[in-house]
Amino acid sequence: MKKLFGILCCSSVLLLASCSNDEKTSESKTSEPDVSIETIKINEENELTIVPLYTQYQQYLNASLESTDAEENKQNFKKYVLDYIGEVGEKEKIDTSILKTNFNLKPTPHKQQLLKQLDTLMEQHDEIKEIIASTYVDSNQILPKKKSTVFIAPYNPEFFYDSEPLKGVGAAAYKDAFILFLDTDFDKDVLAYSTAHEYHHLILCDQNEYNLSSILESIIIEGKADAFADRIVKGVSPPWHVQLDDATMEHIASRVNDYETSFTDFVVGNSQKDIPRWSNYILGKDVLHDYLTAHPELSIPEWTFKEDHAILEGYKYRDVMEMEN
C-alpha cells in the first residue's frame, strides 16, 4: 500500500524557436505540456500531487530500443521507471513496494508502439491533469484527505485486450496513492469516474479497521467506491454495471464464503464455476444499491464508514452467503 509525495509545483515549459534571414527575423513560440511533478493546493490543509511517468518511460525505451535482450529490457525498466517511483515514495515517505508490483508496471517488447502512445499522452497531459485534479477536488470536498499522490502511466500494450472494455483507463489504489494507466483513446468521463472511485479507496485505507483480506470485504469496498463515483461523476457505466438475472446473482453470492472460490475467480471470472468476470464489482454494486435505496437519508460520509455487517443486514442474498450472525 502507498504513502505520498507532496512537493514541486512546476512551471510551464516554453520553447522559443526563431527563424531569420537577410530580409527579416521572426519568432514563434511553441508551448509544450508540462509533464513534471505538480502539487496542487486544494485548501490550507489538503493537497494533491500528480506524478506523470511519461518521461521515465521514454528514458526506459530510449535505453532499450536497440536491444533484444529481455534481461536488459527488464533492468532498464527497473532503473528508469520503478526506481523513480521508489524515489518519489522516499521523498514523501510513501511505501511504493506493492504499487511497483502492479502487473501493468512491466517492460514490453512492443517498444515502438509504447513510444507512440507516450507522444500522444504527453500532448494530452494538460487535459488529463485537469480531469484528475477537478474530480479529486470534488471528491475531497465531500470526504477530505490531507495528501494524496496520483501516478499516471501509459497502458501496457501487453494488456490492450482489457483496454477496450475499460475504455482506455486502468487503475489501482494503495495507501495514500493510486496509479492510473491510460490508453491514448481513453474516455474522459471514465477517467473522471476512475479518479473518484480510487479516491474513495484512499479514504477507507485511512481507517484503522481497513482490511482487504476476503472476497466479502472486496465486494463492500468496491461497491462503496462505485456508489461514491456514481455521485461525483454522473452517467458513467463501467463494464461491471450490468443487469444479471436473480438466479445468477444468487449463485455469485453463494460463492462468496464457500472457500473453494478465489479472489481471482471473482475478478477475472471462472466459467467452470459459472462466475462472471468482475463479480466482486457486480455484487458490490448490487449490495450498495439495495442498502442506499433502503436508507436514502444517509449522507455519503455516513454510509462510507458504515460497517460491513450493517450494509449487509437487509441484503436479499445475505443468507446464501452463509454469513455469521
Protein backbone atom coordinates (compact mmCIF):
# COMPACT_ATOMS: atom_id res chain seq x y z
CA MET A 1 0.00 0.00 0.00
CA LYS A 2 1.24 3.55 -0.52
CA LYS A 3 2.16 6.71 1.22
CA LEU A 4 2.72 10.00 -0.51
CA PHE A 5 4.72 12.67 -2.20
CA GLY A 6 3.72 16.29 -1.91
CA ILE A 7 6.26 18.95 -3.36
CA LEU A 8 7.36 20.53 -6.54
CA CYS A 9 4.88 22.81 -8.16
CA CYS A 10 6.20 23.05 -11.68
CA SER A 11 6.12 25.93 -14.10
CA SER A 12 5.18 25.63 -17.74
CA VAL A 13 7.88 24.96 -20.28
CA LEU A 14 8.10 27.27 -23.27
CA LEU A 15 10.39 26.52 -26.15
CA LEU A 16 11.34 29.53 -28.22
CA ALA A 17 12.12 28.94 -31.84
CA SER A 18 13.43 31.72 -34.08
CA CYS A 19 13.98 31.95 -37.81
CA SER A 20 15.97 34.61 -39.55
CA ASN A 21 17.26 35.56 -42.96
CA ASP A 22 18.72 38.65 -44.64
CA GLU A 23 15.32 40.23 -45.08
CA LYS A 24 13.56 39.58 -41.78
CA THR A 25 13.60 37.79 -38.47
CA SER A 26 10.54 36.16 -36.98
CA GLU A 27 9.93 34.42 -33.72
CA SER A 28 7.40 31.76 -32.85
CA LYS A 29 6.63 30.27 -29.51
CA THR A 30 5.67 26.65 -29.22
CA SER A 31 4.08 25.64 -25.95
CA GLU A 32 4.69 22.10 -24.77
CA PRO A 33 2.76 20.43 -21.96
CA ASP A 34 4.49 20.41 -18.60
CA VAL A 35 4.81 16.73 -17.71
CA SER A 36 6.78 17.03 -14.49
CA ILE A 37 5.55 16.56 -10.94
CA GLU A 38 3.00 19.09 -9.78
CA THR A 39 1.47 19.65 -6.37
CA ILE A 40 -1.96 21.26 -6.30
CA LYS A 41 -3.09 23.02 -3.13
CA ILE A 42 -6.80 22.41 -2.58
CA ASN A 43 -7.03 24.46 0.61
CA GLU A 44 -4.90 25.24 3.65
CA GLU A 45 -4.87 21.60 4.76
CA ASN A 46 -5.31 19.43 1.68
CA GLU A 47 -3.23 18.90 -1.43
CA LEU A 48 -2.76 16.57 -4.38
CA THR A 49 0.49 15.61 -6.08
CA ILE A 50 0.31 14.41 -9.68
CA VAL A 51 3.26 12.36 -10.94
CA PRO A 52 3.27 11.69 -14.70
CA LEU A 53 5.65 8.88 -15.67
CA TYR A 54 5.89 9.65 -19.39
CA THR A 55 9.47 10.94 -19.27
CA GLN A 56 10.61 7.92 -17.26
CA TYR A 57 9.01 5.56 -19.78
CA GLN A 58 10.71 7.45 -22.61
CA GLN A 59 14.08 7.09 -20.86
CA TYR A 60 13.47 3.36 -20.46
CA LEU A 61 12.53 2.99 -24.12
CA ASN A 62 15.44 5.07 -25.39
CA ALA A 63 17.79 2.79 -23.47
CA SER A 64 16.09 -0.38 -24.71
CA LEU A 65 15.03 0.25 -28.32
CA GLU A 66 18.15 -1.23 -29.90
CA SER A 67 18.34 -4.19 -27.55
CA THR A 68 16.68 -7.58 -27.93
CA ASP A 69 17.93 -8.81 -24.59
CA ALA A 70 14.95 -9.46 -22.29
CA GLU A 71 17.01 -9.11 -19.12
CA GLU A 72 18.47 -5.79 -20.25
CA ASN A 73 14.95 -4.59 -21.08
CA LYS A 74 13.82 -5.58 -17.59
CA GLN A 75 16.75 -3.86 -15.90
CA ASN A 76 16.20 -0.65 -17.88
CA PHE A 77 12.54 -0.60 -16.86
CA LYS A 78 13.55 -1.01 -13.24
CA LYS A 79 16.21 1.69 -13.49
CA TYR A 80 14.14 4.38 -15.19
CA VAL A 81 10.56 3.66 -14.11
CA LEU A 82 10.36 1.54 -10.96
CA ASP A 83 13.32 3.15 -9.22
CA TYR A 84 11.89 6.59 -9.98
CA ILE A 85 8.58 5.60 -8.39
CA GLY A 86 10.60 4.47 -5.38
CA GLU A 87 12.39 7.82 -5.24
CA VAL A 88 9.05 9.64 -5.24
CA GLY A 89 7.93 7.39 -2.41
CA GLU A 90 11.05 8.04 -0.36
CA LYS A 91 10.72 11.81 -0.65
CA GLU A 92 7.19 11.75 0.64
CA LYS A 93 7.58 8.66 2.83
CA ILE A 94 5.21 6.58 0.72
CA ASP A 95 5.63 2.83 0.72
CA THR A 96 5.59 2.11 -3.02
CA SER A 97 6.71 -1.51 -2.75
CA ILE A 98 3.30 -3.00 -3.53
CA LEU A 99 2.47 -0.39 -6.17
CA LYS A 100 5.63 -1.33 -8.07
CA THR A 101 4.43 -4.94 -8.33
CA ASN A 102 1.31 -3.93 -10.29
CA PHE A 103 1.01 -6.24 -13.32
CA ASN A 104 0.87 -3.25 -15.69
CA LEU A 105 4.25 -1.97 -14.49
CA LYS A 106 6.49 -4.21 -16.56
CA PRO A 107 8.66 -3.90 -19.69
CA THR A 108 7.18 -4.69 -23.08
CA PRO A 109 8.51 -5.99 -26.40
CA HIS A 110 6.15 -3.53 -28.14
CA LYS A 111 8.54 -0.64 -27.70
CA GLN A 112 7.72 1.44 -30.79
CA GLN A 113 4.02 1.17 -30.06
CA LEU A 114 4.57 2.32 -26.49
CA LEU A 115 6.74 5.20 -27.68
CA LYS A 116 3.92 6.45 -29.92
CA GLN A 117 1.50 6.15 -27.01
CA LEU A 118 3.74 8.33 -24.89
CA ASP A 119 3.95 11.06 -27.52
CA THR A 120 0.15 11.23 -27.68
CA LEU A 121 -0.34 11.10 -23.91
CA MET A 122 2.14 13.91 -23.41
CA GLU A 123 0.19 16.03 -25.86
CA GLN A 124 -2.98 15.24 -23.88
CA HIS A 125 -1.42 15.78 -20.47
CA ASP A 126 -2.91 19.19 -19.69
CA GLU A 127 -6.40 17.78 -20.25
CA ILE A 128 -5.60 14.60 -18.30
CA LYS A 129 -4.30 16.64 -15.39
CA GLU A 130 -7.36 18.89 -15.39
CA ILE A 131 -9.77 15.94 -15.31
CA ILE A 132 -7.91 14.28 -12.45
CA ALA A 133 -7.49 17.47 -10.44
CA SER A 134 -11.09 18.69 -10.79
CA THR A 135 -12.53 15.28 -9.90
CA TYR A 136 -10.15 14.95 -6.98
CA VAL A 137 -11.19 18.37 -5.66
CA ASP A 138 -14.88 17.45 -5.94
CA SER A 139 -14.21 14.22 -4.08
CA ASN A 140 -12.06 15.91 -1.45
CA GLN A 141 -14.78 18.41 -0.62
CA ILE A 142 -17.10 15.58 0.41
CA LEU A 143 -14.55 13.29 2.05
CA PRO A 144 -11.49 15.39 2.98
CA LYS A 145 -8.00 13.91 2.86
CA LYS A 146 -4.82 15.85 3.59
CA LYS A 147 -2.46 14.43 0.99
CA SER A 148 -2.52 12.00 -1.89
CA THR A 149 -0.34 11.14 -4.87
CA VAL A 150 -1.63 10.11 -8.28
CA PHE A 151 0.79 8.42 -10.68
CA ILE A 152 -0.02 8.44 -14.41
CA ALA A 153 1.40 5.75 -16.68
CA PRO A 154 0.72 4.52 -20.22
CA TYR A 155 -1.44 1.44 -20.64
CA ASN A 156 0.88 -1.51 -21.16
CA PRO A 157 0.46 -2.83 -24.74
CA GLU A 158 0.59 -6.35 -23.32
CA PHE A 159 -2.87 -5.83 -21.85
CA PHE A 160 -4.66 -3.99 -24.66
CA TYR A 161 -7.33 -6.73 -24.66
CA ASP A 162 -8.60 -5.06 -21.48
CA SER A 163 -8.32 -1.51 -22.75
CA GLU A 164 -11.49 -1.55 -24.83
CA PRO A 165 -13.93 -2.80 -22.14
CA LEU A 166 -12.30 -0.44 -19.62
CA LYS A 167 -12.48 2.41 -22.17
CA GLY A 168 -8.76 3.06 -22.01
CA VAL A 169 -8.46 3.54 -18.25
CA GLY A 170 -6.97 1.13 -15.73
CA ALA A 171 -6.41 1.98 -12.07
CA ALA A 172 -5.25 0.63 -8.74
CA ALA A 173 -5.24 2.21 -5.27
CA TYR A 174 -2.82 1.79 -2.40
CA LYS A 175 -2.13 3.63 0.85
CA ASP A 176 -2.20 7.38 0.12
CA ALA A 177 -1.66 6.88 -3.61
CA PHE A 178 -3.21 5.44 -6.71
CA ILE A 179 -1.99 4.87 -10.23
CA LEU A 180 -3.87 5.42 -13.49
CA PHE A 181 -2.95 3.57 -16.69
CA LEU A 182 -4.12 5.37 -19.82
CA ASP A 183 -4.50 4.33 -23.42
CA THR A 184 -4.39 7.14 -25.96
CA ASP A 185 -8.12 6.88 -26.73
CA PHE A 186 -9.16 6.94 -23.07
CA ASP A 187 -12.70 8.04 -22.30
CA LYS A 188 -12.64 11.35 -20.40
CA ASP A 189 -15.70 10.56 -18.30
CA VAL A 190 -14.29 7.16 -17.37
CA LEU A 191 -11.04 8.82 -16.31
CA ALA A 192 -13.02 11.11 -14.01
CA TYR A 193 -15.08 8.19 -12.70
CA SER A 194 -11.96 6.12 -12.04
CA THR A 195 -10.37 9.04 -10.17
CA ALA A 196 -13.40 9.32 -7.88
CA HIS A 197 -13.57 5.54 -7.44
CA GLU A 198 -9.91 5.24 -6.46
CA TYR A 199 -10.14 8.31 -4.22
CA HIS A 200 -12.80 6.56 -2.16
CA HIS A 201 -10.42 3.63 -1.71
CA LEU A 202 -7.85 6.05 -0.28
CA ILE A 203 -10.38 7.31 2.26
CA LEU A 204 -11.13 3.79 3.50
CA CYS A 205 -7.43 2.92 3.56
CA ASP A 206 -7.01 5.64 6.19
CA GLN A 207 -9.31 3.80 8.60
CA ASN A 208 -7.60 1.73 11.29
CA GLU A 209 -10.03 -1.13 10.77
CA TYR A 210 -9.48 -1.20 6.99
CA ASN A 211 -8.92 -4.73 5.78
CA LEU A 212 -8.96 -6.33 2.35
CA SER A 213 -8.33 -9.95 3.22
CA SER A 214 -11.53 -11.55 1.94
CA ILE A 215 -13.83 -11.58 -1.07
CA LEU A 216 -16.63 -10.15 1.04
CA GLU A 217 -14.53 -7.15 2.08
CA SER A 218 -13.62 -6.55 -1.56
CA ILE A 219 -17.31 -6.63 -2.52
CA ILE A 220 -18.25 -3.97 0.05
CA ILE A 221 -15.22 -1.77 -0.67
CA GLU A 222 -15.76 -1.83 -4.44
CA GLY A 223 -19.49 -1.28 -4.01
CA LYS A 224 -18.88 1.78 -1.86
CA ALA A 225 -16.31 3.16 -4.31
CA ASP A 226 -18.73 2.79 -7.22
CA ALA A 227 -21.59 4.34 -5.23
CA PHE A 228 -19.32 7.30 -4.45
CA ALA A 229 -18.11 7.66 -8.05
CA ASP A 230 -21.72 7.49 -9.28
CA ARG A 231 -22.47 10.58 -7.21
CA ILE A 232 -19.36 12.53 -8.24
CA VAL A 233 -19.41 11.75 -11.97
CA LYS A 234 -22.85 11.26 -13.46
CA GLY A 235 -23.81 8.89 -16.26
CA VAL A 236 -20.76 6.62 -16.45
CA SER A 237 -21.23 2.85 -16.74
CA PRO A 238 -18.16 0.67 -16.16
CA PRO A 239 -18.27 -2.82 -17.73
CA TRP A 240 -19.46 -4.36 -14.45
CA HIS A 241 -22.58 -2.19 -14.40
CA VAL A 242 -24.64 -4.98 -15.91
CA GLN A 243 -28.03 -6.38 -15.02
CA LEU A 244 -27.86 -10.10 -14.20
CA ASP A 245 -30.84 -12.34 -13.57
CA ASP A 246 -31.74 -13.27 -9.98
CA ALA A 247 -30.51 -16.85 -10.32
CA THR A 248 -27.06 -15.71 -11.45
CA MET A 249 -26.83 -13.10 -8.69
CA GLU A 250 -27.82 -15.66 -6.07
CA HIS A 251 -25.24 -18.09 -7.44
CA ILE A 252 -22.48 -15.46 -7.27
CA ALA A 253 -23.49 -14.59 -3.71
CA SER A 254 -23.40 -18.26 -2.71
CA ARG A 255 -19.76 -18.44 -3.77
CA VAL A 256 -18.57 -15.63 -1.52
CA ASN A 257 -17.75 -17.77 1.52
CA ASP A 258 -17.57 -21.29 0.09
CA TYR A 259 -13.76 -21.39 0.49
CA GLU A 260 -13.44 -23.00 -2.95
CA THR A 261 -13.69 -19.76 -4.89
CA SER A 262 -10.71 -17.45 -5.06
CA PHE A 263 -10.46 -13.68 -5.27
CA THR A 264 -9.12 -14.16 -8.80
CA ASP A 265 -12.26 -16.09 -9.73
CA PHE A 266 -14.36 -13.12 -8.67
CA VAL A 267 -12.24 -10.57 -10.54
CA VAL A 268 -11.38 -12.30 -13.83
CA GLY A 269 -14.24 -14.83 -13.85
CA ASN A 270 -14.34 -18.61 -13.85
CA SER A 271 -16.53 -20.30 -16.45
CA GLN A 272 -16.20 -23.72 -14.78
CA LYS A 273 -17.76 -22.26 -11.64
CA ASP A 274 -20.23 -20.10 -13.60
CA ILE A 275 -18.76 -16.92 -12.15
CA PRO A 276 -18.79 -13.91 -14.49
CA ARG A 277 -15.88 -11.54 -14.74
CA TRP A 278 -15.87 -8.64 -12.25
CA SER A 279 -18.28 -10.49 -9.96
CA ASN A 280 -16.99 -8.69 -6.87
CA TYR A 281 -17.83 -5.34 -8.53
CA ILE A 282 -21.20 -6.60 -9.78
CA LEU A 283 -22.19 -7.91 -6.37
CA GLY A 284 -20.80 -4.84 -4.62
CA LYS A 285 -22.89 -2.51 -6.76
CA ASP A 286 -26.00 -4.59 -6.02
CA VAL A 287 -25.34 -4.63 -2.27
CA LEU A 288 -24.86 -0.87 -2.04
CA HIS A 289 -27.81 -0.15 -4.32
CA ASP A 290 -30.07 -2.18 -2.04
CA TYR A 291 -28.70 -0.54 1.09
CA LEU A 292 -28.84 3.03 -0.17
CA THR A 293 -32.32 2.54 -1.59
CA ALA A 294 -33.45 1.46 1.87
CA HIS A 295 -31.57 4.32 3.57
CA PRO A 296 -31.86 7.41 1.34
CA GLU A 297 -31.44 9.69 4.35
CA LEU A 298 -27.78 8.77 4.86
CA SER A 299 -25.08 11.18 3.73
CA ILE A 300 -22.02 9.97 1.80
CA PRO A 301 -19.76 10.15 4.88
CA GLU A 302 -22.34 8.23 6.92
CA TRP A 303 -22.58 5.24 4.58
CA THR A 304 -18.90 5.38 3.68
CA PHE A 305 -17.95 4.47 7.23
CA LYS A 306 -20.78 2.01 7.91
CA GLU A 307 -19.52 -1.41 8.95
CA ASP A 308 -19.94 -4.34 6.57
CA HIS A 309 -22.45 -6.17 8.73
CA ALA A 310 -24.71 -3.10 8.76
CA ILE A 311 -24.51 -2.73 4.98
CA LEU A 312 -25.40 -6.41 4.52
CA GLU A 313 -28.07 -6.67 7.19
CA GLY A 314 -31.06 -6.43 4.86
CA TYR A 315 -29.43 -7.67 1.66
CA LYS A 316 -31.61 -10.14 -0.23
CA TYR A 317 -28.82 -12.68 -0.81
CA ARG A 318 -27.25 -12.40 2.63
CA ASP A 319 -28.42 -15.83 3.75
CA VAL A 320 -26.88 -17.68 0.79
CA MET A 321 -23.57 -16.03 1.62
CA GLU A 322 -23.58 -18.12 4.81
CA MET A 323 -22.83 -15.06 6.89
CA GLU A 324 -22.19 -15.47 10.58
CA ASN A 325 -24.61 -13.57 12.80
